[in-house]
Amino acid sequence: MSNYLRILSYLKCSIVRPFKVLLYIIIVMMMSSIYGCRSTKDTIPPVPPKGYKNLTFLKIAHVLGRIDLIEEKPTIPPEINTLSNINYKIVGNDTLRLNIYSKLNIDKPTPLLIFIHGGSWRGGKKEDYLPYIIPFTKRGYVCATISYHLYPPTNFPAAVEDVKCAIRWLRTHAKEYNINPDKIALLGGSAGSHLAMMAGYTDDSTYSAGCDWNDVSSKVQAIIAIYGPTDLTTDFAINNHLVVDFLGKKYSEAPQLYKEASPINYVTKDDPPTLIFHGTIDDIVPVIQSDKLKKKLDDMGVENEYHRLKGWPHAMDIAKPVNNYTQYYINEFLKKHIPLK
């Protein structure tokens, strides 16, 4: 969610040769019913929302105001109880915090959703997922969202260690916050998806440094991965300065480090069910990253569900039709794997 403003700015500022602008506008307006447009109703799941032929069509549609966007910073309604900035980990002078959201007057163990924000491992904040947190809290889930170490100055694997420690902290304090410790799901987008997969696929002893709760399991019962990188040994990753900065070394200097930072290398037959969303015109994290994850999960016999959305880019769920679609299928997935009852 934290990448939205940057992406919107990129779309607005993208330059097309003047004589092509009018042509593109005419084409977009004529074909909006095919490639996506504003509608008076949100797309009704489970029909996949219609996307765009390519990024150029998407950019023009955005400039024309033909894409309905979600409210990025919604107001938390009074029926939701919010506990903010709870300390869960202290490392040196750094204090990491989390927020917990729940319906008022919950008095029984309830499934927990842990949201991990994106931001290229260097930005974002724990409140970025409120557009998801509010509706899922209203449905009855307890939701938590966490801060974690960003670079600079902190490199991999600190952020993964933080996520796993947050899981352990929440499981340790489950009774206090009416959490069912046996029904926990991780959800993240982009870099947050990478961290969710790393935490969810690695075993308890891996990346557990610096946590006071290591006698408690970090295992989860479900993973929801939204346009996240899965294999950092591919060309897209090793040539990406964001990945290089996050890992702290170039691929030529430490190829093993790139393998160790790739969630796909930790998948085993015992891993939790995984729900995947990715757009086919994502130019930040190529869709092949999720294609490869899907194949690995299938090969290992891990239950999974993959929504490969044609004609949608990175951060596609800022568009209302996509957000409605993802929320619908996330809810169905959760009902199956960590049901409220």
C-alpha atoms as a PDB file:
ATOM      1  CA  MET A   1       0.000   0.000   0.000  1.00  0.00           C
ATOM      2  CA  SER A   2       2.855   2.402   0.718  1.00  0.00           C
ATOM      3  CA  ASN A   3       3.940   2.342  -2.954  1.00  0.00           C
ATOM      4  CA  TYR A   4       0.656   3.872  -4.130  1.00  0.00           C
ATOM      5  CA  LEU A   5       1.595   7.554  -4.190  1.00  0.00           C
ATOM      6  CA  ARG A   6       4.883   6.813  -5.933  1.00  0.00           C
ATOM      7  CA  ILE A   7       3.139   4.711  -8.569  1.00  0.00           C
ATOM      8  CA  LEU A   8       0.354   7.238  -9.109  1.00  0.00           C
ATOM      9  CA  SER A   9       2.937   9.986  -9.525  1.00  0.00           C
ATOM     10  CA  TYR A  10       4.772   7.815 -12.040  1.00  0.00           C
ATOM     11  CA  LEU A  11       1.576   7.272 -13.998  1.00  0.00           C
ATOM     12  CA  LYS A  12       0.755  10.976 -14.035  1.00  0.00           C
ATOM     13  CA  CYS A  13       4.234  12.042 -15.057  1.00  0.00           C
ATOM     14  CA  SER A  14       4.819   9.433 -17.752  1.00  0.00           C
ATOM     15  CA  ILE A  15       5.411  11.182 -21.075  1.00  0.00           C
ATOM     16  CA  VAL A  16       4.066   9.998 -24.410  1.00  0.00           C
ATOM     17  CA  ARG A  17       4.891  11.771 -27.669  1.00  0.00           C
ATOM     18  CA  PRO A  18       2.303  14.537 -28.241  1.00  0.00           C
ATOM     19  CA  PHE A  19       0.943  13.217 -31.538  1.00  0.00           C
ATOM     20  CA  LYS A  20       0.253   9.868 -29.885  1.00  0.00           C
ATOM     21  CA  VAL A  21      -1.641  11.269 -26.908  1.00  0.00           C
ATOM     22  CA  LEU A  22      -4.878  11.989 -28.763  1.00  0.00           C
ATOM     23  CA  LEU A  23      -4.796   8.603 -30.459  1.00  0.00           C
ATOM     24  CA  TYR A  24      -4.305   6.786 -27.161  1.00  0.00           C
ATOM     25  CA  ILE A  25      -7.095   8.783 -25.522  1.00  0.00           C
ATOM     26  CA  ILE A  26      -9.516   7.960 -28.320  1.00  0.00           C
ATOM     27  CA  ILE A  27      -8.601   4.282 -28.197  1.00  0.00           C
ATOM     28  CA  VAL A  28      -8.921   4.117 -24.421  1.00  0.00           C
ATOM     29  CA  MET A  29     -12.323   5.811 -24.478  1.00  0.00           C
ATOM     30  CA  MET A  30     -13.590   3.559 -27.270  1.00  0.00           C
ATOM     31  CA  MET A  31     -12.289   0.383 -25.664  1.00  0.00           C
ATOM     32  CA  SER A  32     -12.872   1.212 -22.018  1.00  0.00           C
ATOM     33  CA  SER A  33     -15.620  -1.340 -21.817  1.00  0.00           C
ATOM     34  CA  ILE A  34     -13.096  -3.965 -22.850  1.00  0.00           C
ATOM     35  CA  TYR A  35      -9.997  -2.995 -20.924  1.00  0.00           C
ATOM     36  CA  GLY A  36     -11.517  -1.477 -17.816  1.00  0.00           C
ATOM     37  CA  CYS A  37     -13.238   1.752 -16.928  1.00  0.00           C
ATOM     38  CA  ARG A  38     -15.062   3.528 -14.169  1.00  0.00           C
ATOM     39  CA  SER A  39     -18.398   1.977 -13.396  1.00  0.00           C
ATOM     40  CA  THR A  40     -21.212   2.908 -11.056  1.00  0.00           C
ATOM     41  CA  LYS A  41     -20.894  -0.493  -9.421  1.00  0.00           C
ATOM     42  CA  ASP A  42     -17.828  -2.263  -8.132  1.00  0.00           C
ATOM     43  CA  THR A  43     -16.933  -5.424 -10.009  1.00  0.00           C
ATOM     44  CA  ILE A  44     -18.935  -8.256  -8.500  1.00  0.00           C
ATOM     45  CA  PRO A  45     -16.779 -11.244  -7.536  1.00  0.00           C
ATOM     46  CA  PRO A  46     -15.951 -13.874  -8.479  1.00  0.00           C
ATOM     47  CA  VAL A  47     -15.574 -12.421 -11.994  1.00  0.00           C
ATOM     48  CA  PRO A  48     -11.971 -11.192 -12.501  1.00  0.00           C
ATOM     49  CA  PRO A  49     -11.929  -7.414 -13.029  1.00  0.00           C
ATOM     50  CA  LYS A  50     -11.157  -6.391 -16.590  1.00  0.00           C
ATOM     51  CA  GLY A  51      -7.651  -5.045 -16.909  1.00  0.00           C
ATOM     52  CA  TYR A  52      -5.717  -3.094 -19.520  1.00  0.00           C
ATOM     53  CA  LYS A  53      -3.957  -4.070 -22.706  1.00  0.00           C
ATOM     54  CA  ASN A  54      -0.673  -2.633 -21.466  1.00  0.00           C
ATOM     55  CA  LEU A  55       0.765   0.002 -19.138  1.00  0.00           C
ATOM     56  CA  THR A  56       0.241   2.770 -21.692  1.00  0.00           C
ATOM     57  CA  PHE A  57      -3.507   2.168 -21.724  1.00  0.00           C
ATOM     58  CA  LEU A  58      -3.454   2.070 -17.925  1.00  0.00           C
ATOM     59  CA  LYS A  59      -1.580   5.384 -17.704  1.00  0.00           C
ATOM     60  CA  ILE A  60      -3.992   7.120 -20.054  1.00  0.00           C
ATOM     61  CA  ALA A  61      -6.998   5.699 -18.212  1.00  0.00           C
ATOM     62  CA  HIS A  62      -5.593   6.978 -14.928  1.00  0.00           C
ATOM     63  CA  VAL A  63      -4.942  10.469 -16.306  1.00  0.00           C
ATOM     64  CA  LEU A  64      -8.521  10.528 -17.641  1.00  0.00           C
ATOM     65  CA  GLY A  65      -9.845   9.563 -14.219  1.00  0.00           C
ATOM     66  CA  ARG A  66     -11.337   6.331 -15.495  1.00  0.00           C
ATOM     67  CA  ILE A  67     -10.009   4.159 -12.656  1.00  0.00           C
ATOM     68  CA  ASP A  68     -11.878   4.189  -9.351  1.00  0.00           C
ATOM     69  CA  LEU A  69      -9.396   4.062  -6.480  1.00  0.00           C
ATOM     70  CA  ILE A  70      -9.866   2.949  -2.897  1.00  0.00           C
ATOM     71  CA  GLU A  71      -9.641   5.361   0.007  1.00  0.00           C
ATOM     72  CA  GLU A  72      -6.011   5.049   1.065  1.00  0.00           C
ATOM     73  CA  LYS A  73      -6.464   6.325   4.630  1.00  0.00           C
ATOM     74  CA  PRO A  74      -9.949   5.307   5.766  1.00  0.00           C
ATOM     75  CA  THR A  75     -11.292   6.336   9.161  1.00  0.00           C
ATOM     76  CA  ILE A  76     -11.438   3.550  11.721  1.00  0.00           C
ATOM     77  CA  PRO A  77     -15.099   3.165  12.760  1.00  0.00           C
ATOM     78  CA  PRO A  78     -16.106   3.305  16.443  1.00  0.00           C
ATOM     79  CA  GLU A  79     -17.057  -0.375  16.549  1.00  0.00           C
ATOM     80  CA  ILE A  80     -13.379  -1.317  16.144  1.00  0.00           C
ATOM     81  CA  ASN A  81     -11.095  -1.271  19.171  1.00  0.00           C
ATOM     82  CA  THR A  82      -7.553  -0.128  18.297  1.00  0.00           C
ATOM     83  CA  LEU A  83      -4.493  -0.764  20.442  1.00  0.00           C
ATOM     84  CA  SER A  84      -1.588   1.158  18.929  1.00  0.00           C
ATOM     85  CA  ASN A  85       2.186   1.054  19.248  1.00  0.00           C
ATOM     86  CA  ILE A  86       2.581  -1.979  21.468  1.00  0.00           C
ATOM     87  CA  ASN A  87       6.256  -2.861  21.887  1.00  0.00           C
ATOM     88  CA  TYR A  88       7.053  -6.372  20.678  1.00  0.00           C
ATOM     89  CA  LYS A  89      10.825  -6.301  20.139  1.00  0.00           C
ATOM     90  CA  ILE A  90      13.737  -4.155  21.290  1.00  0.00           C
ATOM     91  CA  VAL A  91      17.073  -4.385  19.488  1.00  0.00           C
ATOM     92  CA  GLY A  92      19.693  -1.962  20.775  1.00  0.00           C
ATOM     93  CA  ASN A  93      18.153   1.483  20.477  1.00  0.00           C
ATOM     94  CA  ASP A  94      15.396   0.286  18.143  1.00  0.00           C
ATOM     95  CA  THR A  95      11.913  -0.477  19.437  1.00  0.00           C
ATOM     96  CA  LEU A  96       9.565  -2.311  17.086  1.00  0.00           C
ATOM     97  CA  ARG A  97       5.843  -1.914  17.582  1.00  0.00           C
ATOM     98  CA  LEU A  98       2.568  -3.380  16.436  1.00  0.00           C
ATOM     99  CA  ASN A  99      -1.101  -2.406  16.365  1.00  0.00           C
ATOM    100  CA  ILE A 100      -3.982  -4.727  17.224  1.00  0.00           C
ATOM    101  CA  TYR A 101      -7.523  -4.225  15.922  1.00  0.00           C
ATOM    102  CA  SER A 102     -10.613  -6.109  17.074  1.00  0.00           C
ATOM    103  CA  LYS A 103     -14.349  -5.739  17.351  1.00  0.00           C
ATOM    104  CA  LEU A 104     -15.567  -4.396  20.657  1.00  0.00           C
ATOM    105  CA  ASN A 105     -16.443  -6.891  23.374  1.00  0.00           C
ATOM    106  CA  ILE A 106     -14.741  -9.945  21.847  1.00  0.00           C
ATOM    107  CA  ASP A 107     -14.643 -12.553  24.598  1.00  0.00           C
ATOM    108  CA  LYS A 108     -13.381 -15.715  22.910  1.00  0.00           C
ATOM    109  CA  PRO A 109     -10.290 -16.918  20.996  1.00  0.00           C
ATOM    110  CA  THR A 110     -10.477 -15.496  17.475  1.00  0.00           C
ATOM    111  CA  PRO A 111      -8.436 -16.114  14.287  1.00  0.00           C
ATOM    112  CA  LEU A 112      -5.622 -13.606  13.758  1.00  0.00           C
ATOM    113  CA  LEU A 113      -4.542 -11.876  10.540  1.00  0.00           C
ATOM    114  CA  ILE A 114      -1.063 -10.320  10.592  1.00  0.00           C
ATOM    115  CA  PHE A 115      -0.544  -7.658   7.907  1.00  0.00           C
ATOM    116  CA  ILE A 116       2.972  -6.819   6.681  1.00  0.00           C
ATOM    117  CA  HIS A 117       3.296  -3.565   4.768  1.00  0.00           C
ATOM    118  CA  GLY A 118       5.263  -3.131   1.563  1.00  0.00           C
ATOM    119  CA  GLY A 119       7.584  -0.335   0.519  1.00  0.00           C
ATOM    120  CA  SER A 120      10.605  -1.985  -1.128  1.00  0.00           C
ATOM    121  CA  TRP A 121      11.955  -2.999   2.314  1.00  0.00           C
ATOM    122  CA  ARG A 122      12.937   0.649   2.853  1.00  0.00           C
ATOM    123  CA  GLY A 123       9.655   2.470   3.488  1.00  0.00           C
ATOM    124  CA  GLY A 124       6.033   2.124   4.438  1.00  0.00           C
ATOM    125  CA  LYS A 125       4.310   2.074   7.794  1.00  0.00           C
ATOM    126  CA  LYS A 126       2.191  -0.383   9.710  1.00  0.00           C
ATOM    127  CA  GLU A 127      -1.048   1.559   9.139  1.00  0.00           C
ATOM    128  CA  ASP A 128      -0.812   1.170   5.350  1.00  0.00           C
ATOM    129  CA  TYR A 129      -3.126  -1.846   5.317  1.00  0.00           C
ATOM    130  CA  LEU A 130      -6.146  -0.166   6.925  1.00  0.00           C
ATOM    131  CA  PRO A 131      -8.187  -0.624   3.702  1.00  0.00           C
ATOM    132  CA  TYR A 132      -7.937  -4.371   4.398  1.00  0.00           C
ATOM    133  CA  ILE A 133      -7.782  -4.305   8.189  1.00  0.00           C
ATOM    134  CA  ILE A 134     -11.054  -2.445   8.708  1.00  0.00           C
ATOM    135  CA  PRO A 135     -13.316  -4.782   6.684  1.00  0.00           C
ATOM    136  CA  PHE A 136     -11.707  -7.952   8.023  1.00  0.00           C
ATOM    137  CA  THR A 137     -11.927  -6.707  11.599  1.00  0.00           C
ATOM    138  CA  LYS A 138     -15.601  -5.937  10.988  1.00  0.00           C
ATOM    139  CA  ARG A 139     -16.053  -9.529   9.836  1.00  0.00           C
ATOM    140  CA  GLY A 140     -14.818 -10.681  13.222  1.00  0.00           C
ATOM    141  CA  TYR A 141     -11.091 -11.346  12.832  1.00  0.00           C
ATOM    142  CA  VAL A 142      -8.466  -9.933  15.142  1.00  0.00           C
ATOM    143  CA  CYS A 143      -5.991  -8.043  12.953  1.00  0.00           C
ATOM    144  CA  ALA A 144      -2.444  -6.985  13.740  1.00  0.00           C
ATOM    145  CA  THR A 145      -0.018  -4.914  11.717  1.00  0.00           C
ATOM    146  CA  ILE A 146       3.657  -4.568  12.498  1.00  0.00           C
ATOM    147  CA  SER A 147       6.690  -2.376  12.030  1.00  0.00           C
ATOM    148  CA  TYR A 148       9.984  -4.005  11.076  1.00  0.00           C
ATOM    149  CA  HIS A 149      13.577  -2.992  10.402  1.00  0.00           C
ATOM    150  CA  LEU A 150      13.997  -1.092   7.144  1.00  0.00           C
ATOM    151  CA  TYR A 151      17.119  -0.391   5.161  1.00  0.00           C
ATOM    152  CA  PRO A 152      19.189   1.659   5.451  1.00  0.00           C
ATOM    153  CA  PRO A 153      20.856   0.885   7.714  1.00  0.00           C
ATOM    154  CA  THR A 154      19.522  -2.618   8.421  1.00  0.00           C
ATOM    155  CA  ASN A 155      19.832  -5.345   5.804  1.00  0.00           C
ATOM    156  CA  PHE A 156      18.447  -8.850   5.361  1.00  0.00           C
ATOM    157  CA  PRO A 157      17.625 -10.965   7.351  1.00  0.00           C
ATOM    158  CA  ALA A 158      16.632  -8.492  10.104  1.00  0.00           C
ATOM    159  CA  ALA A 159      13.146  -7.837   8.697  1.00  0.00           C
ATOM    160  CA  VAL A 160      12.397 -11.565   8.448  1.00  0.00           C
ATOM    161  CA  GLU A 161      13.555 -12.050  12.035  1.00  0.00           C
ATOM    162  CA  ASP A 162      11.232  -9.224  13.079  1.00  0.00           C
ATOM    163  CA  VAL A 163       8.179 -10.763  11.412  1.00  0.00           C
ATOM    164  CA  LYS A 164       8.838 -14.133  13.026  1.00  0.00           C
ATOM    165  CA  CYS A 165       9.311 -12.477  16.407  1.00  0.00           C
ATOM    166  CA  ALA A 166       6.008 -10.620  16.005  1.00  0.00           C
ATOM    167  CA  ILE A 167       4.240 -13.934  15.352  1.00  0.00           C
ATOM    168  CA  ARG A 168       5.796 -15.377  18.497  1.00  0.00           C
ATOM    169  CA  TRP A 169       4.889 -12.316  20.575  1.00  0.00           C
ATOM    170  CA  LEU A 170       1.276 -12.402  19.414  1.00  0.00           C
ATOM    171  CA  ARG A 171       1.028 -16.135  20.061  1.00  0.00           C
ATOM    172  CA  THR A 172       2.534 -15.665  23.534  1.00  0.00           C
ATOM    173  CA  HIS A 173      -0.032 -12.957  24.335  1.00  0.00           C
ATOM    174  CA  ALA A 174      -2.923 -14.714  22.606  1.00  0.00           C
ATOM    175  CA  LYS A 175      -5.122 -14.996  25.689  1.00  0.00           C
ATOM    176  CA  GLU A 176      -4.689 -11.328  26.560  1.00  0.00           C
ATOM    177  CA  TYR A 177      -5.919 -10.208  23.122  1.00  0.00           C
ATOM    178  CA  ASN A 178      -8.513 -12.956  22.480  1.00  0.00           C
ATOM    179  CA  ILE A 179      -6.403 -14.549  19.740  1.00  0.00           C
ATOM    180  CA  ASN A 180      -6.705 -18.172  18.715  1.00  0.00           C
ATOM    181  CA  PRO A 181      -3.011 -19.209  18.602  1.00  0.00           C
ATOM    182  CA  ASP A 182      -3.843 -22.105  16.279  1.00  0.00           C
ATOM    183  CA  LYS A 183      -5.444 -19.908  13.608  1.00  0.00           C
ATOM    184  CA  ILE A 184      -2.941 -17.338  12.349  1.00  0.00           C
ATOM    185  CA  ALA A 185      -2.540 -16.054   8.780  1.00  0.00           C
ATOM    186  CA  LEU A 186       0.115 -13.769   7.281  1.00  0.00           C
ATOM    187  CA  LEU A 187      -0.786 -11.257   4.580  1.00  0.00           C
ATOM    188  CA  GLY A 188       1.589  -8.955   2.727  1.00  0.00           C
ATOM    189  CA  GLY A 189       1.967  -7.083  -0.533  1.00  0.00           C
ATOM    190  CA  SER A 190       5.157  -6.599  -2.548  1.00  0.00           C
ATOM    191  CA  ALA A 191       8.073  -6.498  -0.062  1.00  0.00           C
ATOM    192  CA  GLY A 192       5.577  -7.374   2.662  1.00  0.00           C
ATOM    193  CA  SER A 193       4.576 -10.436   0.665  1.00  0.00           C
ATOM    194  CA  HIS A 194       8.231 -11.466   0.441  1.00  0.00           C
ATOM    195  CA  LEU A 195       8.561 -11.189   4.223  1.00  0.00           C
ATOM    196  CA  ALA A 196       5.303 -13.072   4.808  1.00  0.00           C
ATOM    197  CA  MET A 197       6.514 -15.940   2.645  1.00  0.00           C
ATOM    198  CA  MET A 198       9.960 -15.975   4.241  1.00  0.00           C
ATOM    199  CA  ALA A 199       8.426 -16.114   7.711  1.00  0.00           C
ATOM    200  CA  GLY A 200       5.777 -18.619   6.719  1.00  0.00           C
ATOM    201  CA  TYR A 201       7.941 -21.085   4.790  1.00  0.00           C
ATOM    202  CA  THR A 202      11.059 -21.173   6.994  1.00  0.00           C
ATOM    203  CA  ASP A 203      11.192 -23.469  10.009  1.00  0.00           C
ATOM    204  CA  ASP A 204      11.160 -22.249  13.608  1.00  0.00           C
ATOM    205  CA  SER A 205      14.917 -22.216  14.082  1.00  0.00           C
ATOM    206  CA  THR A 206      15.714 -20.241  10.927  1.00  0.00           C
ATOM    207  CA  TYR A 207      15.976 -16.450  11.226  1.00  0.00           C
ATOM    208  CA  SER A 208      15.123 -16.413  14.924  1.00  0.00           C
ATOM    209  CA  ALA A 209      17.907 -14.162  16.252  1.00  0.00           C
ATOM    210  CA  GLY A 210      17.186 -11.361  18.687  1.00  0.00           C
ATOM    211  CA  CYS A 211      13.758 -12.518  19.840  1.00  0.00           C
ATOM    212  CA  ASP A 212      12.778 -13.066  23.483  1.00  0.00           C
ATOM    213  CA  TRP A 213      10.005 -15.492  22.557  1.00  0.00           C
ATOM    214  CA  ASN A 214      11.891 -18.250  20.725  1.00  0.00           C
ATOM    215  CA  ASP A 215      10.367 -20.962  22.902  1.00  0.00           C
ATOM    216  CA  VAL A 216       7.090 -20.246  21.058  1.00  0.00           C
ATOM    217  CA  SER A 217       6.434 -21.400  17.485  1.00  0.00           C
ATOM    218  CA  SER A 218       6.409 -18.944  14.583  1.00  0.00           C
ATOM    219  CA  LYS A 219       4.411 -21.313  12.377  1.00  0.00           C
ATOM    220  CA  VAL A 220       1.258 -19.991  10.732  1.00  0.00           C
ATOM    221  CA  GLN A 221      -1.766 -21.707   9.229  1.00  0.00           C
ATOM    222  CA  ALA A 222      -2.161 -19.655   6.036  1.00  0.00           C
ATOM    223  CA  ILE A 223      -0.231 -17.238   3.802  1.00  0.00           C
ATOM    224  CA  ILE A 224      -1.649 -14.588   1.470  1.00  0.00           C
ATOM    225  CA  ALA A 225       0.966 -13.335  -1.004  1.00  0.00           C
ATOM    226  CA  ILE A 226       0.116 -10.299  -3.141  1.00  0.00           C
ATOM    227  CA  TYR A 227       2.527  -9.521  -6.022  1.00  0.00           C
ATOM    228  CA  GLY A 228       5.593 -10.476  -4.009  1.00  0.00           C
ATOM    229  CA  PRO A 229       9.098 -11.485  -5.163  1.00  0.00           C
ATOM    230  CA  THR A 230       9.755 -15.183  -4.639  1.00  0.00           C
ATOM    231  CA  ASP A 231      13.117 -15.855  -6.314  1.00  0.00           C
ATOM    232  CA  LEU A 232      15.860 -13.257  -5.879  1.00  0.00           C
ATOM    233  CA  THR A 233      18.352 -15.188  -8.014  1.00  0.00           C
ATOM    234  CA  THR A 234      16.607 -14.172 -11.250  1.00  0.00           C
ATOM    235  CA  ASP A 235      17.746 -11.359 -13.541  1.00  0.00           C
ATOM    236  CA  PHE A 236      14.960  -9.038 -12.409  1.00  0.00           C
ATOM    237  CA  ALA A 237      16.248  -9.216  -8.835  1.00  0.00           C
ATOM    238  CA  ILE A 238      20.006  -9.336  -9.211  1.00  0.00           C
ATOM    239  CA  ASN A 239      19.891  -6.255 -11.465  1.00  0.00           C
ATOM    240  CA  ASN A 240      17.501  -4.347  -9.189  1.00  0.00           C
ATOM    241  CA  HIS A 241      19.200  -1.799  -6.930  1.00  0.00           C
ATOM    242  CA  LEU A 242      16.418  -2.127  -4.344  1.00  0.00           C
ATOM    243  CA  VAL A 243      17.128  -5.830  -3.939  1.00  0.00           C
ATOM    244  CA  VAL A 244      20.880  -5.226  -3.876  1.00  0.00           C
ATOM    245  CA  ASP A 245      20.486  -2.535  -1.213  1.00  0.00           C
ATOM    246  CA  PHE A 246      18.155  -4.732   0.860  1.00  0.00           C
ATOM    247  CA  LEU A 247      20.612  -7.625   0.823  1.00  0.00           C
ATOM    248  CA  GLY A 248      23.652  -5.392   1.239  1.00  0.00           C
ATOM    249  CA  LYS A 249      25.751  -7.091  -1.438  1.00  0.00           C
ATOM    250  CA  LYS A 250      25.747  -7.608  -5.179  1.00  0.00           C
ATOM    251  CA  TYR A 251      24.875 -11.018  -6.568  1.00  0.00           C
ATOM    252  CA  SER A 252      28.416 -11.431  -7.893  1.00  0.00           C
ATOM    253  CA  GLU A 253      29.717 -10.933  -4.348  1.00  0.00           C
ATOM    254  CA  ALA A 254      27.315 -13.252  -2.527  1.00  0.00           C
ATOM    255  CA  PRO A 255      25.170 -15.516  -4.736  1.00  0.00           C
ATOM    256  CA  GLN A 256      24.340 -17.745  -1.770  1.00  0.00           C
ATOM    257  CA  LEU A 257      22.819 -14.767   0.041  1.00  0.00           C
ATOM    258  CA  TYR A 258      20.349 -14.279  -2.811  1.00  0.00           C
ATOM    259  CA  LYS A 259      19.330 -17.933  -2.569  1.00  0.00           C
ATOM    260  CA  GLU A 260      18.874 -17.641   1.178  1.00  0.00           C
ATOM    261  CA  ALA A 261      16.643 -14.594   0.706  1.00  0.00           C
ATOM    262  CA  SER A 262      14.349 -16.369  -1.794  1.00  0.00           C
ATOM    263  CA  PRO A 263      11.118 -17.741  -0.273  1.00  0.00           C
ATOM    264  CA  ILE A 264      10.750 -20.304  -3.042  1.00  0.00           C
ATOM    265  CA  ASN A 265      13.812 -22.163  -1.748  1.00  0.00           C
ATOM    266  CA  TYR A 266      12.132 -22.930   1.591  1.00  0.00           C
ATOM    267  CA  VAL A 267       8.897 -24.476   0.336  1.00  0.00           C
ATOM    268  CA  THR A 268       8.278 -27.995   1.671  1.00  0.00           C
ATOM    269  CA  LYS A 269       5.293 -30.306   1.669  1.00  0.00           C
ATOM    270  CA  ASP A 270       4.416 -29.257   5.229  1.00  0.00           C
ATOM    271  CA  ASP A 271       3.974 -25.567   4.456  1.00  0.00           C
ATOM    272  CA  PRO A 272       0.681 -23.721   4.993  1.00  0.00           C
ATOM    273  CA  PRO A 273      -1.944 -23.177   2.287  1.00  0.00           C
ATOM    274  CA  THR A 274      -1.087 -20.162   0.169  1.00  0.00           C
ATOM    275  CA  LEU A 275      -3.280 -17.673  -1.695  1.00  0.00           C
ATOM    276  CA  ILE A 276      -1.523 -15.708  -4.458  1.00  0.00           C
ATOM    277  CA  PHE A 277      -2.514 -12.582  -6.416  1.00  0.00           C
ATOM    278  CA  HIS A 278      -0.422 -11.049  -9.206  1.00  0.00           C
ATOM    279  CA  GLY A 279      -1.069  -8.847 -12.247  1.00  0.00           C
ATOM    280  CA  THR A 280       0.269  -9.773 -15.674  1.00  0.00           C
ATOM    281  CA  ILE A 281       1.565  -6.278 -16.542  1.00  0.00           C
ATOM    282  CA  ASP A 282       3.474  -5.804 -13.285  1.00  0.00           C
ATOM    283  CA  ASP A 283       6.724  -4.078 -14.281  1.00  0.00           C
ATOM    284  CA  ILE A 284       8.101  -3.903 -10.727  1.00  0.00           C
ATOM    285  CA  VAL A 285       7.797  -7.551  -9.666  1.00  0.00           C
ATOM    286  CA  PRO A 286       7.297  -9.645 -12.834  1.00  0.00           C
ATOM    287  CA  VAL A 287       4.350 -12.037 -12.741  1.00  0.00           C
ATOM    288  CA  ILE A 288       6.702 -14.946 -13.467  1.00  0.00           C
ATOM    289  CA  GLN A 289       7.762 -14.657  -9.828  1.00  0.00           C
ATOM    290  CA  SER A 290       4.319 -15.875  -8.753  1.00  0.00           C
ATOM    291  CA  ASP A 291       4.168 -18.334 -11.654  1.00  0.00           C
ATOM    292  CA  LYS A 292       7.295 -19.982 -10.265  1.00  0.00           C
ATOM    293  CA  LEU A 293       5.890 -20.044  -6.752  1.00  0.00           C
ATOM    294  CA  LYS A 294       2.697 -21.687  -7.985  1.00  0.00           C
ATOM    295  CA  LYS A 295       4.704 -24.410  -9.720  1.00  0.00           C
ATOM    296  CA  LYS A 296       6.871 -25.022  -6.650  1.00  0.00           C
ATOM    297  CA  LEU A 297       3.845 -25.267  -4.379  1.00  0.00           C
ATOM    298  CA  ASP A 298       2.206 -27.706  -6.788  1.00  0.00           C
ATOM    299  CA  ASP A 299       5.378 -29.786  -7.069  1.00  0.00           C
ATOM    300  CA  MET A 300       5.629 -30.008  -3.277  1.00  0.00           C
ATOM    301  CA  GLY A 301       1.954 -30.785  -2.804  1.00  0.00           C
ATOM    302  CA  VAL A 302       1.152 -27.587  -0.891  1.00  0.00           C
ATOM    303  CA  GLU A 303      -2.452 -26.460  -1.193  1.00  0.00           C
ATOM    304  CA  ASN A 304      -2.626 -23.162  -3.050  1.00  0.00           C
ATOM    305  CA  GLU A 305      -4.855 -20.854  -5.064  1.00  0.00           C
ATOM    306  CA  TYR A 306      -3.473 -18.494  -7.703  1.00  0.00           C
ATOM    307  CA  HIS A 307      -5.272 -15.475  -9.148  1.00  0.00           C
ATOM    308  CA  ARG A 308      -3.280 -14.266 -12.158  1.00  0.00           C
ATOM    309  CA  LEU A 309      -5.069 -11.049 -13.089  1.00  0.00           C
ATOM    310  CA  LYS A 310      -4.751 -10.155 -16.750  1.00  0.00           C
ATOM    311  CA  GLY A 311      -3.920  -6.547 -17.522  1.00  0.00           C
ATOM    312  CA  TRP A 312      -3.185  -5.294 -14.008  1.00  0.00           C
ATOM    313  CA  PRO A 313       0.064  -3.780 -12.667  1.00  0.00           C
ATOM    314  CA  HIS A 314       1.931  -3.672  -9.373  1.00  0.00           C
ATOM    315  CA  ALA A 315      -0.147  -2.279  -6.486  1.00  0.00           C
ATOM    316  CA  MET A 316      -3.197  -3.216  -8.555  1.00  0.00           C
ATOM    317  CA  ASP A 317      -5.391  -3.437  -5.464  1.00  0.00           C
ATOM    318  CA  ILE A 318      -5.590   0.348  -5.139  1.00  0.00           C
ATOM    319  CA  ALA A 319      -8.180   0.000  -7.919  1.00  0.00           C
ATOM    320  CA  LYS A 320     -11.592  -0.659  -6.380  1.00  0.00           C
ATOM    321  CA  PRO A 321     -12.547  -3.540  -8.693  1.00  0.00           C
ATOM    322  CA  VAL A 322      -9.298  -5.373  -7.917  1.00  0.00           C
ATOM    323  CA  ASN A 323      -9.542  -4.612  -4.207  1.00  0.00           C
ATOM    324  CA  ASN A 324     -13.092  -5.961  -4.113  1.00  0.00           C
ATOM    325  CA  TYR A 325     -11.912  -9.059  -5.934  1.00  0.00           C
ATOM    326  CA  THR A 326      -8.937  -9.705  -3.656  1.00  0.00           C
ATOM    327  CA  GLN A 327     -10.973  -9.141  -0.506  1.00  0.00           C
ATOM    328  CA  TYR A 328     -13.657 -11.539  -1.711  1.00  0.00           C
ATOM    329  CA  TYR A 329     -11.197 -14.362  -2.344  1.00  0.00           C
ATOM    330  CA  ILE A 330      -9.171 -13.648   0.786  1.00  0.00           C
ATOM    331  CA  ASN A 331     -12.364 -13.988   2.794  1.00  0.00           C
ATOM    332  CA  GLU A 332     -13.248 -17.276   1.079  1.00  0.00           C
ATOM    333  CA  PHE A 333      -9.710 -18.570   1.665  1.00  0.00           C
ATOM    334  CA  LEU A 334      -9.812 -17.639   5.345  1.00  0.00           C
ATOM    335  CA  LYS A 335     -13.217 -19.240   5.822  1.00  0.00           C
ATOM    336  CA  LYS A 336     -11.696 -22.476   4.588  1.00  0.00           C
ATOM    337  CA  HIS A 337      -8.380 -22.440   6.462  1.00  0.00           C
ATOM    338  CA  ILE A 338      -8.863 -20.361   9.630  1.00  0.00           C
ATOM    339  CA  PRO A 339     -12.642 -20.061   9.968  1.00  0.00           C
ATOM    340  CA  LEU A 340     -14.218 -17.786  12.536  1.00  0.00           C
ATOM    341  CA  LYS A 341     -16.288 -20.690  13.840  1.00  0.00           C
END
